[in-house]
């Protein structure tokens, strides 16, 4: 993340996204697939690291193998095989949704995973339970732990959708989009940017 200043001089937190160039690798129609959509590919990949099936898929579109593939159903104009889509398809000021995989934090306790506060007062015989999750259920009735109990477990590494992020700036030459706020994932990870519904 970074920050820029708007016209009024207010500092605005934002994220810079490299949004292209993306190549159209498949065009789906109602006649062939039952719905209209286009598949976009991004970031070159070595042919050695690409499966034979995907090599054939990219060869059909006459493009080099790519790392990331994503399907989009809402495009105003029809796209063709091999056509390049750049950051200028967006307009400054419009709102977009950003989808990505959040940072994985591994197995964490209840305090970090769910934001429990623990026992603030270390007196009254608290011993070593300051960071304990506390009780997880009753005794003989119901004699089990209810589903959905907030306990320790794997944290992060989930598909997250940040909705309604405003585009502050677009650099069409470098294919950069500056969106207000944060986006899911680590630096350099792949994300999907789509128009806000």
Protein backbone atom coordinates (compact mmCIF):
# COMPACT_ATOMS: atom_id res chain seq x y z
CA UNK A 1 0.00 0.00 0.00
CA UNK A 2 0.90 3.62 -0.41
CA UNK A 3 -0.87 6.96 -0.19
CA UNK A 4 -1.55 9.95 -2.42
CA UNK A 5 -3.00 13.41 -1.89
CA UNK A 6 -6.31 14.37 -3.46
CA UNK A 7 -7.34 17.79 -4.80
CA UNK A 8 -8.30 19.03 -1.32
CA UNK A 9 -4.93 18.01 0.15
CA UNK A 10 -6.24 15.00 2.07
CA UNK A 11 -3.94 11.99 2.31
CA UNK A 12 -5.72 8.94 0.86
CA UNK A 13 -4.49 5.35 1.45
CA UNK A 14 -4.36 3.37 -1.79
CA UNK A 15 -2.95 0.33 -3.58
CA UNK A 16 -1.21 0.25 -6.97
CA UNK A 17 -2.30 -2.65 -9.22
CA UNK A 18 -0.66 -3.73 -12.47
CA UNK A 19 -3.70 -4.52 -14.62
CA UNK A 20 -2.40 -5.71 -17.92
CA UNK A 21 -1.74 -6.32 -20.66
CA UNK A 22 -4.19 -9.22 -20.59
CA UNK A 23 -4.81 -11.40 -23.64
CA UNK A 24 -8.14 -12.95 -24.65
CA UNK A 25 -7.51 -16.72 -24.72
CA UNK A 26 -11.11 -17.95 -25.06
CA UNK A 27 -14.44 -16.50 -26.15
CA UNK A 28 -17.54 -18.29 -24.82
CA UNK A 29 -20.94 -17.83 -26.44
CA UNK A 30 -24.49 -18.95 -25.70
CA UNK A 31 -24.41 -21.25 -28.73
CA UNK A 32 -21.27 -23.15 -27.70
CA UNK A 33 -21.17 -22.85 -23.89
CA UNK A 34 -24.62 -21.67 -22.82
CA UNK A 35 -23.48 -18.21 -21.71
CA UNK A 36 -21.43 -15.26 -22.93
CA UNK A 37 -18.00 -14.73 -21.38
CA UNK A 38 -14.36 -14.10 -22.22
CA UNK A 39 -11.27 -15.62 -20.65
CA UNK A 40 -8.29 -13.34 -20.00
CA UNK A 41 -4.70 -14.48 -19.39
CA UNK A 42 -1.93 -12.50 -17.71
CA UNK A 43 1.83 -12.77 -17.09
CA UNK A 44 4.07 -14.84 -19.37
CA UNK A 45 5.03 -18.35 -18.30
CA UNK A 46 7.75 -20.69 -19.56
CA UNK A 47 6.49 -23.40 -21.90
CA UNK A 48 8.48 -25.96 -19.90
CA UNK A 49 6.34 -25.19 -16.84
CA UNK A 50 3.05 -25.47 -18.77
CA UNK A 51 1.07 -28.69 -19.16
CA UNK A 52 0.44 -30.09 -22.66
CA UNK A 53 -3.28 -29.39 -22.37
CA UNK A 54 -2.68 -25.74 -21.51
CA UNK A 55 -0.05 -25.42 -24.25
CA UNK A 56 -2.71 -26.48 -26.75
CA UNK A 57 -5.20 -24.04 -25.20
CA UNK A 58 -2.79 -21.12 -25.60
CA UNK A 59 -1.72 -22.23 -29.07
CA UNK A 60 -5.34 -22.09 -30.22
CA UNK A 61 -5.44 -18.44 -29.18
CA UNK A 62 -1.96 -17.88 -30.74
CA UNK A 63 -0.44 -16.51 -27.51
CA UNK A 64 2.50 -17.56 -25.33
CA UNK A 65 1.69 -19.53 -22.14
CA UNK A 66 0.45 -17.42 -19.24
CA UNK A 67 0.32 -17.79 -15.45
CA UNK A 68 -3.11 -16.45 -14.50
CA UNK A 69 -6.47 -17.16 -16.17
CA UNK A 70 -9.77 -15.52 -15.26
CA UNK A 71 -13.24 -15.46 -16.81
CA UNK A 72 -15.38 -12.33 -17.13
CA UNK A 73 -19.04 -12.15 -18.12
CA UNK A 74 -19.60 -8.39 -18.20
CA UNK A 75 -17.84 -6.72 -21.13
CA UNK A 76 -19.58 -3.96 -23.06
CA UNK A 77 -17.87 -4.70 -26.38
CA UNK A 78 -17.20 -8.08 -27.97
CA UNK A 79 -13.61 -9.32 -27.79
CA UNK A 80 -11.79 -11.61 -30.21
CA UNK A 81 -9.10 -14.31 -29.85
CA UNK A 82 -5.68 -12.83 -29.10
CA UNK A 83 -7.02 -9.33 -28.48
CA UNK A 84 -5.16 -7.38 -25.78
CA UNK A 85 -7.07 -5.78 -22.90
CA UNK A 86 -5.27 -3.02 -21.01
CA UNK A 87 -5.92 -0.88 -17.95
CA UNK A 88 -7.67 1.77 -20.04
CA UNK A 89 -10.88 -0.31 -20.04
CA UNK A 90 -11.49 1.29 -16.62
CA UNK A 91 -12.27 4.95 -15.97
CA UNK A 92 -11.01 7.13 -13.13
CA UNK A 93 -13.66 7.55 -10.46
CA UNK A 94 -15.54 4.31 -11.15
CA UNK A 95 -15.87 1.55 -8.55
CA UNK A 96 -14.47 -1.98 -8.84
CA UNK A 97 -14.40 -5.24 -6.90
CA UNK A 98 -11.02 -6.85 -6.19
CA UNK A 99 -10.78 -10.61 -5.56
CA UNK A 100 -7.66 -12.31 -4.21
CA UNK A 101 -6.26 -14.83 -1.74
CA UNK A 102 -5.41 -13.38 1.66
CA UNK A 103 -2.04 -13.91 3.33
CA UNK A 104 -1.77 -17.26 5.08
CA UNK A 105 -0.76 -17.09 8.75
CA UNK A 106 -0.72 -20.81 9.53
CA UNK A 107 -2.20 -22.40 12.66
CA UNK A 108 -3.04 -19.69 15.21
CA UNK A 109 -4.65 -19.59 18.62
CA UNK A 110 -8.07 -18.15 19.39
CA UNK A 111 -6.65 -14.83 20.57
CA UNK A 112 -5.01 -13.96 17.26
CA UNK A 113 -7.49 -15.74 15.01
CA UNK A 114 -10.70 -14.24 16.45
CA UNK A 115 -9.46 -11.22 18.40
CA UNK A 116 -10.33 -12.50 21.89
CA UNK A 117 -9.29 -10.13 24.69
CA UNK A 118 -8.43 -12.72 27.31
CA UNK A 119 -8.47 -12.09 31.05
CA UNK A 120 -7.33 -8.52 31.60
CA UNK A 121 -7.00 -8.82 35.38
CA UNK A 122 -4.12 -11.12 36.30
CA UNK A 123 -5.29 -11.45 39.93
CA UNK A 124 -8.06 -13.62 41.43
CA UNK A 125 -6.21 -16.86 40.82
CA UNK A 126 -5.81 -16.53 37.06
CA UNK A 127 -2.49 -18.43 36.87
CA UNK A 128 -1.59 -18.88 33.17
CA UNK A 129 -4.99 -18.34 31.51
CA UNK A 130 -4.59 -14.72 30.34
CA UNK A 131 -4.65 -15.78 26.68
CA UNK A 132 -7.04 -18.71 26.96
CA UNK A 133 -10.11 -19.04 24.70
CA UNK A 134 -12.25 -19.91 27.73
CA UNK A 135 -15.05 -22.48 28.00
CA UNK A 136 -16.23 -24.22 24.83
CA UNK A 137 -19.48 -25.81 25.99
CA UNK A 138 -21.75 -27.00 28.77
CA UNK A 139 -21.44 -30.23 30.76
CA UNK A 140 -23.80 -33.20 30.43
CA UNK A 141 -26.27 -31.23 28.34
CA UNK A 142 -25.64 -31.04 25.37
CA UNK A 143 -22.51 -33.18 25.96
CA UNK A 144 -20.85 -31.86 22.82
CA UNK A 145 -19.28 -28.77 21.34
CA UNK A 146 -21.54 -26.79 19.00
CA UNK A 147 -20.49 -26.40 15.37
CA UNK A 148 -18.94 -23.05 14.53
CA UNK A 149 -17.30 -22.58 17.93
CA UNK A 150 -14.51 -20.06 17.54
CA UNK A 151 -11.36 -21.97 18.38
CA UNK A 152 -7.74 -22.22 17.25
CA UNK A 153 -7.11 -23.18 13.64
CA UNK A 154 -5.66 -22.18 10.29
CA UNK A 155 -5.81 -18.46 9.68
CA UNK A 156 -5.80 -16.62 6.36
CA UNK A 157 -5.19 -18.15 2.92
CA UNK A 158 -8.84 -17.61 1.92
CA UNK A 159 -10.49 -16.11 -1.14
CA UNK A 160 -11.47 -12.56 -0.21
CA UNK A 161 -13.57 -10.09 -2.20
CA UNK A 162 -13.13 -6.39 -1.46
CA UNK A 163 -16.14 -4.59 -2.93
CA UNK A 164 -16.74 -1.02 -3.98
CA UNK A 165 -13.16 0.26 -4.23
CA UNK A 166 -12.82 3.56 -6.08
CA UNK A 167 -10.27 4.00 -8.87
CA UNK A 168 -8.26 7.12 -8.07
CA UNK A 169 -5.79 7.14 -10.99
CA UNK A 170 -5.00 5.19 -14.15
CA UNK A 171 -1.62 5.09 -15.92
CA UNK A 172 -2.53 3.67 -19.34
CA UNK A 173 1.09 3.52 -20.56
CA UNK A 174 2.29 1.35 -17.67
CA UNK A 175 -1.09 -0.42 -17.19
CA UNK A 176 -1.31 0.70 -13.56
CA UNK A 177 -4.49 1.27 -11.57
CA UNK A 178 -4.52 3.06 -8.23
CA UNK A 179 -7.49 2.02 -6.06
CA UNK A 180 -8.55 3.54 -2.77
CA UNK A 181 -7.91 1.26 0.22
CA UNK A 182 -6.32 -2.16 0.52
CA UNK A 183 -6.62 -5.33 -1.56
CA UNK A 184 -6.24 -8.96 -0.38
CA UNK A 185 -3.00 -10.87 -0.82
CA UNK A 186 0.73 -10.38 -0.55
CA UNK A 187 2.82 -8.17 -2.81
CA UNK A 188 3.15 -9.65 -6.29
CA UNK A 189 0.18 -12.00 -5.92
CA UNK A 190 -2.48 -12.38 -8.62
CA UNK A 191 -5.86 -10.69 -8.16
CA UNK A 192 -9.01 -10.19 -10.23
CA UNK A 193 -10.35 -6.66 -10.82
CA UNK A 194 -13.94 -6.45 -12.07
CA UNK A 195 -16.49 -3.69 -12.37
CA UNK A 196 -18.64 -3.18 -9.31
CA UNK A 197 -22.13 -4.62 -9.78
